[in-house]
Amino acid sequence: MKESLMDVICCPLDKAALDLDVDDEDDDEVLAGTLTCTECGETYPIEDGIPNLLPPDMREEAAA
């Protein structure tokens, strides 16, 4: 995920801003980390450069 994407994405639950926590990056591409909502505190994983912005209940269903 490009860090510039932070300008356009928001929390799918309450549309609040997200904070980026980078675990791994390559040049200007975020490969792993988390996005955390500044309002509700929900976290969304970034895996292989792809942010998973599904709400928590839908994420659990998709993993099952």
PDB file of N, CA and C in Angstrom:
ATOM      1  N   MET A   1       0.849  -1.163   0.000  1.00  0.00           N
ATOM      2  CA  MET A   1       0.000   0.000   0.000  1.00  0.00           C
ATOM      3  C   MET A   1       0.896   1.226   0.000  1.00  0.00           C
ATOM      4  N   LYS A   2       0.591   2.179  -0.797  1.00  0.00           N
ATOM      5  CA  LYS A   2       1.320   3.447  -0.813  1.00  0.00           C
ATOM      6  C   LYS A   2       0.848   4.311   0.355  1.00  0.00           C
ATOM      7  N   GLU A   3       1.783   4.989   1.009  1.00  0.00           N
ATOM      8  CA  GLU A   3       1.411   5.861   2.121  1.00  0.00           C
ATOM      9  C   GLU A   3       0.481   6.981   1.682  1.00  0.00           C
ATOM     10  N   SER A   4       0.534   7.369   0.418  1.00  0.00           N
ATOM     11  CA  SER A   4      -0.348   8.426  -0.080  1.00  0.00           C
ATOM     12  C   SER A   4      -1.819   8.016  -0.025  1.00  0.00           C
ATOM     13  N   LEU A   5      -2.093   6.707   0.080  1.00  0.00           N
ATOM     14  CA  LEU A   5      -3.466   6.225   0.205  1.00  0.00           C
ATOM     15  C   LEU A   5      -4.113   6.712   1.505  1.00  0.00           C
ATOM     16  N   MET A   6      -3.307   7.059   2.482  1.00  0.00           N
ATOM     17  CA  MET A   6      -3.818   7.542   3.770  1.00  0.00           C
ATOM     18  C   MET A   6      -4.679   8.799   3.604  1.00  0.00           C
ATOM     19  N   ASP A   7      -4.489   9.533   2.504  1.00  0.00           N
ATOM     20  CA  ASP A   7      -5.273  10.747   2.259  1.00  0.00           C
ATOM     21  C   ASP A   7      -6.715  10.440   1.885  1.00  0.00           C
ATOM     22  N   VAL A   8      -6.993   9.225   1.421  1.00  0.00           N
ATOM     23  CA  VAL A   8      -8.333   8.922   0.920  1.00  0.00           C
ATOM     24  C   VAL A   8      -9.071   7.819   1.677  1.00  0.00           C
ATOM     25  N   ILE A   9      -8.389   7.011   2.484  1.00  0.00           N
ATOM     26  CA  ILE A   9      -9.092   5.938   3.186  1.00  0.00           C
ATOM     27  C   ILE A   9      -9.506   6.395   4.580  1.00  0.00           C
ATOM     28  N   CYS A  10     -10.564   5.761   5.094  1.00  0.00           N
ATOM     29  CA  CYS A  10     -11.055   6.077   6.440  1.00  0.00           C
ATOM     30  C   CYS A  10     -11.634   4.803   7.042  1.00  0.00           C
ATOM     31  N   CYS A  11     -11.968   4.868   8.306  1.00  0.00           N
ATOM     32  CA  CYS A  11     -12.548   3.730   9.011  1.00  0.00           C
ATOM     33  C   CYS A  11     -13.902   3.393   8.380  1.00  0.00           C
ATOM     34  N   PRO A  12     -14.128   2.128   8.017  1.00  0.00           N
ATOM     35  CA  PRO A  12     -15.413   1.758   7.419  1.00  0.00           C
ATOM     36  C   PRO A  12     -16.574   1.796   8.408  1.00  0.00           C
ATOM     37  N   LEU A  13     -16.280   1.797   9.703  1.00  0.00           N
ATOM     38  CA  LEU A  13     -17.343   1.801  10.705  1.00  0.00           C
ATOM     39  C   LEU A  13     -17.875   3.199  10.995  1.00  0.00           C
ATOM     40  N   ASP A  14     -16.975   4.172  11.174  1.00  0.00           N
ATOM     41  CA  ASP A  14     -17.433   5.515  11.556  1.00  0.00           C
ATOM     42  C   ASP A  14     -16.860   6.638  10.694  1.00  0.00           C
ATOM     43  N   LYS A  15     -16.151   6.270   9.639  1.00  0.00           N
ATOM     44  CA  LYS A  15     -15.592   7.234   8.666  1.00  0.00           C
ATOM     45  C   LYS A  15     -14.554   8.178   9.268  1.00  0.00           C
ATOM     46  N   ALA A  16     -13.973   7.819  10.403  1.00  0.00           N
ATOM     47  CA  ALA A  16     -12.937   8.634  11.038  1.00  0.00           C
ATOM     48  C   ALA A  16     -11.581   8.345  10.392  1.00  0.00           C
ATOM     49  N   ALA A  17     -10.614   9.191  10.691  1.00  0.00           N
ATOM     50  CA  ALA A  17      -9.254   9.035  10.156  1.00  0.00           C
ATOM     51  C   ALA A  17      -8.595   7.783  10.738  1.00  0.00           C
ATOM     52  N   LEU A  18      -7.612   7.281  10.007  1.00  0.00           N
ATOM     53  CA  LEU A  18      -6.853   6.104  10.436  1.00  0.00           C
ATOM     54  C   LEU A  18      -5.398   6.490  10.673  1.00  0.00           C
ATOM     55  N   ASP A  19      -4.801   5.914  11.721  1.00  0.00           N
ATOM     56  CA  ASP A  19      -3.368   6.080  11.986  1.00  0.00           C
ATOM     57  C   ASP A  19      -2.642   4.868  11.436  1.00  0.00           C
ATOM     58  N   LEU A  20      -1.503   5.107  10.788  1.00  0.00           N
ATOM     59  CA  LEU A  20      -0.708   4.045  10.184  1.00  0.00           C
ATOM     60  C   LEU A  20       0.441   3.654  11.097  1.00  0.00           C
ATOM     61  N   ASP A  21       0.582   2.349  11.335  1.00  0.00           N
ATOM     62  CA  ASP A  21       1.711   1.799  12.085  1.00  0.00           C
ATOM     63  C   ASP A  21       2.402   0.802  11.160  1.00  0.00           C
ATOM     64  N   VAL A  22       3.610   1.137  10.708  1.00  0.00           N
ATOM     65  CA  VAL A  22       4.325   0.333   9.714  1.00  0.00           C
ATOM     66  C   VAL A  22       5.227  -0.691  10.393  1.00  0.00           C
ATOM     67  N   ASP A  23       5.061  -1.969  10.018  1.00  0.00           N
ATOM     68  CA  ASP A  23       5.940  -3.034  10.506  1.00  0.00           C
ATOM     69  C   ASP A  23       7.034  -3.360   9.481  1.00  0.00           C
ATOM     70  N   ASP A  24       6.681  -3.264   8.192  1.00  0.00           N
ATOM     71  CA  ASP A  24       7.633  -3.586   7.124  1.00  0.00           C
ATOM     72  C   ASP A  24       7.305  -2.733   5.908  1.00  0.00           C
ATOM     73  N   GLU A  25       8.348  -2.158   5.301  1.00  0.00           N
ATOM     74  CA  GLU A  25       8.129  -1.373   4.088  1.00  0.00           C
ATOM     75  C   GLU A  25       9.293  -1.540   3.132  1.00  0.00           C
ATOM     76  N   ASP A  26       9.007  -1.294   1.865  1.00  0.00           N
ATOM     77  CA  ASP A  26       9.996  -1.385   0.811  1.00  0.00           C
ATOM     78  C   ASP A  26       9.871  -0.116  -0.020  1.00  0.00           C
ATOM     79  N   ASP A  27      10.891   0.733   0.004  1.00  0.00           N
ATOM     80  CA  ASP A  27      10.842   2.062  -0.603  1.00  0.00           C
ATOM     81  C   ASP A  27       9.670   2.830  -0.001  1.00  0.00           C
ATOM     82  N   ASP A  28       8.690   3.245  -0.811  1.00  0.00           N
ATOM     83  CA  ASP A  28       7.542   3.978  -0.264  1.00  0.00           C
ATOM     84  C   ASP A  28       6.291   3.109  -0.204  1.00  0.00           C
ATOM     85  N   GLU A  29       6.473   1.784  -0.243  1.00  0.00           N
ATOM     86  CA  GLU A  29       5.366   0.834  -0.203  1.00  0.00           C
ATOM     87  C   GLU A  29       5.308   0.173   1.178  1.00  0.00           C
ATOM     88  N   VAL A  30       4.162   0.282   1.859  1.00  0.00           N
ATOM     89  CA  VAL A  30       3.955  -0.373   3.146  1.00  0.00           C
ATOM     90  C   VAL A  30       3.553  -1.815   2.871  1.00  0.00           C
ATOM     91  N   LEU A  31       4.357  -2.768   3.336  1.00  0.00           N
ATOM     92  CA  LEU A  31       4.091  -4.188   3.098  1.00  0.00           C
ATOM     93  C   LEU A  31       3.321  -4.841   4.241  1.00  0.00           C
ATOM     94  N   ALA A  32       3.565  -4.390   5.468  1.00  0.00           N
ATOM     95  CA  ALA A  32       2.891  -4.963   6.639  1.00  0.00           C
ATOM     96  C   ALA A  32       2.741  -3.893   7.700  1.00  0.00           C
ATOM     97  N   GLY A  33       1.672  -4.006   8.464  1.00  0.00           N
ATOM     98  CA  GLY A  33       1.426  -3.058   9.545  1.00  0.00           C
ATOM     99  C   GLY A  33      -0.040  -3.066   9.911  1.00  0.00           C
ATOM    100  N   THR A  34      -0.472  -1.989  10.558  1.00  0.00           N
ATOM    101  CA  THR A  34      -1.870  -1.866  10.950  1.00  0.00           C
ATOM    102  C   THR A  34      -2.351  -0.442  10.729  1.00  0.00           C
ATOM    103  N   LEU A  35      -3.639  -0.341  10.526  1.00  0.00           N
ATOM    104  CA  LEU A  35      -4.335   0.933  10.466  1.00  0.00           C
ATOM    105  C   LEU A  35      -5.260   0.961  11.671  1.00  0.00           C
ATOM    106  N   THR A  36      -5.210   2.031  12.469  1.00  0.00           N
ATOM    107  CA  THR A  36      -6.023   2.121  13.672  1.00  0.00           C
ATOM    108  C   THR A  36      -6.919   3.347  13.588  1.00  0.00           C
ATOM    109  N   CYS A  37      -8.209   3.153  13.853  1.00  0.00           N
ATOM    110  CA  CYS A  37      -9.171   4.250  13.812  1.00  0.00           C
ATOM    111  C   CYS A  37      -8.911   5.205  14.973  1.00  0.00           C
ATOM    112  N   THR A  38      -8.911   6.497  14.675  1.00  0.00           N
ATOM    113  CA  THR A  38      -8.667   7.501  15.712  1.00  0.00           C
ATOM    114  C   THR A  38      -9.875   7.699  16.618  1.00  0.00           C
ATOM    115  N   GLU A  39     -11.054   7.222  16.207  1.00  0.00           N
ATOM    116  CA  GLU A  39     -12.261   7.390  17.020  1.00  0.00           C
ATOM    117  C   GLU A  39     -12.632   6.119  17.788  1.00  0.00           C
ATOM    118  N   CYS A  40     -12.890   5.017  17.072  1.00  0.00           N
ATOM    119  CA  CYS A  40     -13.371   3.805  17.738  1.00  0.00           C
ATOM    120  C   CYS A  40     -12.253   2.873  18.182  1.00  0.00           C
ATOM    121  N   GLY A  41     -11.020   3.063  17.668  1.00  0.00           N
ATOM    122  CA  GLY A  41      -9.893   2.248  18.089  1.00  0.00           C
ATOM    123  C   GLY A  41      -9.778   0.912  17.375  1.00  0.00           C
ATOM    124  N   GLU A  42     -10.681   0.617  16.445  1.00  0.00           N
ATOM    125  CA  GLU A  42     -10.612  -0.643  15.702  1.00  0.00           C
ATOM    126  C   GLU A  42      -9.334  -0.671  14.862  1.00  0.00           C
ATOM    127  N   THR A  43      -8.714  -1.842  14.763  1.00  0.00           N
ATOM    128  CA  THR A  43      -7.492  -1.968  13.969  1.00  0.00           C
ATOM    129  C   THR A  43      -7.758  -2.826  12.741  1.00  0.00           C
ATOM    130  N   TYR A  44      -7.064  -2.480  11.670  1.00  0.00           N
ATOM    131  CA  TYR A  44      -7.185  -3.175  10.390  1.00  0.00           C
ATOM    132  C   TYR A  44      -5.788  -3.560   9.945  1.00  0.00           C
ATOM    133  N   PRO A  45      -5.583  -4.833   9.599  1.00  0.00           N
ATOM    134  CA  PRO A  45      -4.240  -5.290   9.225  1.00  0.00           C
ATOM    135  C   PRO A  45      -3.870  -4.899   7.797  1.00  0.00           C
ATOM    136  N   ILE A  46      -2.570  -4.737   7.572  1.00  0.00           N
ATOM    137  CA  ILE A  46      -2.014  -4.598   6.230  1.00  0.00           C
ATOM    138  C   ILE A  46      -1.118  -5.808   6.032  1.00  0.00           C
ATOM    139  N   GLU A  47      -1.444  -6.642   5.061  1.00  0.00           N
ATOM    140  CA  GLU A  47      -0.680  -7.864   4.797  1.00  0.00           C
ATOM    141  C   GLU A  47      -0.315  -7.909   3.322  1.00  0.00           C
ATOM    142  N   ASP A  48       0.943  -8.139   3.031  1.00  0.00           N
ATOM    143  CA  ASP A  48       1.434  -8.198   1.652  1.00  0.00           C
ATOM    144  C   ASP A  48       1.084  -6.926   0.877  1.00  0.00           C
ATOM    145  N   GLY A  49       1.080  -5.785   1.581  1.00  0.00           N
ATOM    146  CA  GLY A  49       0.821  -4.505   0.938  1.00  0.00           C
ATOM    147  C   GLY A  49      -0.644  -4.195   0.712  1.00  0.00           C
ATOM    148  N   ILE A  50      -1.541  -5.045   1.223  1.00  0.00           N
ATOM    149  CA  ILE A  50      -2.977  -4.857   1.010  1.00  0.00           C
ATOM    150  C   ILE A  50      -3.675  -4.584   2.344  1.00  0.00           C
ATOM    151  N   PRO A  51      -4.299  -3.399   2.495  1.00  0.00           N
ATOM    152  CA  PRO A  51      -5.046  -3.129   3.728  1.00  0.00           C
ATOM    153  C   PRO A  51      -6.378  -3.880   3.716  1.00  0.00           C
ATOM    154  N   ASN A  52      -6.700  -4.550   4.810  1.00  0.00           N
ATOM    155  CA  ASN A  52      -7.966  -5.268   4.943  1.00  0.00           C
ATOM    156  C   ASN A  52      -8.908  -4.371   5.739  1.00  0.00           C
ATOM    157  N   LEU A  53      -9.776  -3.656   5.024  1.00  0.00           N
ATOM    158  CA  LEU A  53     -10.676  -2.708   5.669  1.00  0.00           C
ATOM    159  C   LEU A  53     -12.075  -3.273   5.878  1.00  0.00           C
ATOM    160  N   LEU A  54     -12.196  -4.602   5.892  1.00  0.00           N
ATOM    161  CA  LEU A  54     -13.481  -5.201   6.226  1.00  0.00           C
ATOM    162  C   LEU A  54     -13.777  -4.955   7.699  1.00  0.00           C
ATOM    163  N   PRO A  55     -15.045  -4.684   8.047  1.00  0.00           N
ATOM    164  CA  PRO A  55     -15.404  -4.570   9.466  1.00  0.00           C
ATOM    165  C   PRO A  55     -15.069  -5.875  10.187  1.00  0.00           C
ATOM    166  N   PRO A  56     -14.827  -5.817  11.489  1.00  0.00           N
ATOM    167  CA  PRO A  56     -14.359  -6.995  12.245  1.00  0.00           C
ATOM    168  C   PRO A  56     -15.216  -8.242  12.061  1.00  0.00           C
ATOM    169  N   ASP A  57     -16.538  -8.116  12.095  1.00  0.00           N
ATOM    170  CA  ASP A  57     -17.393  -9.305  11.966  1.00  0.00           C
ATOM    171  C   ASP A  57     -17.280  -9.927  10.576  1.00  0.00           C
ATOM    172  N   MET A  58     -17.117  -9.108   9.547  1.00  0.00           N
ATOM    173  CA  MET A  58     -16.965  -9.636   8.192  1.00  0.00           C
ATOM    174  C   MET A  58     -15.585 -10.253   7.992  1.00  0.00           C
ATOM    175  N   ARG A  59     -14.562  -9.713   8.677  1.00  0.00           N
ATOM    176  CA  ARG A  59     -13.218 -10.272   8.603  1.00  0.00           C
ATOM    177  C   ARG A  59     -13.179 -11.676   9.177  1.00  0.00           C
ATOM    178  N   GLU A  60     -13.891 -11.876  10.305  1.00  0.00           N
ATOM    179  CA  GLU A  60     -13.947 -13.191  10.947  1.00  0.00           C
ATOM    180  C   GLU A  60     -14.675 -14.199  10.064  1.00  0.00           C
ATOM    181  N   GLU A  61     -15.751 -13.769   9.385  1.00  0.00           N
ATOM    182  CA  GLU A  61     -16.479 -14.656   8.486  1.00  0.00           C
ATOM    183  C   GLU A  61     -15.620 -15.045   7.290  1.00  0.00           C
ATOM    184  N   ALA A  62     -14.857 -14.091   6.754  1.00  0.00           N
ATOM    185  CA  ALA A  62     -14.013 -14.352   5.593  1.00  0.00           C
ATOM    186  C   ALA A  62     -12.879 -15.320   5.930  1.00  0.00           C
ATOM    187  N   ALA A  63     -12.400 -15.277   7.175  1.00  0.00           N
ATOM    188  CA  ALA A  63     -11.303 -16.143   7.594  1.00  0.00           C
ATOM    189  C   ALA A  63     -11.776 -17.570   7.858  1.00  0.00           C
ATOM    190  N   ALA A  64     -13.056 -17.726   8.136  1.00  0.00           N
ATOM    191  CA  ALA A  64     -13.601 -19.067   8.463  1.00  0.00           C
ATOM    192  C   ALA A  64     -13.794 -19.923   7.243  1.00  0.00           C
TER     193      ALA A  64
END
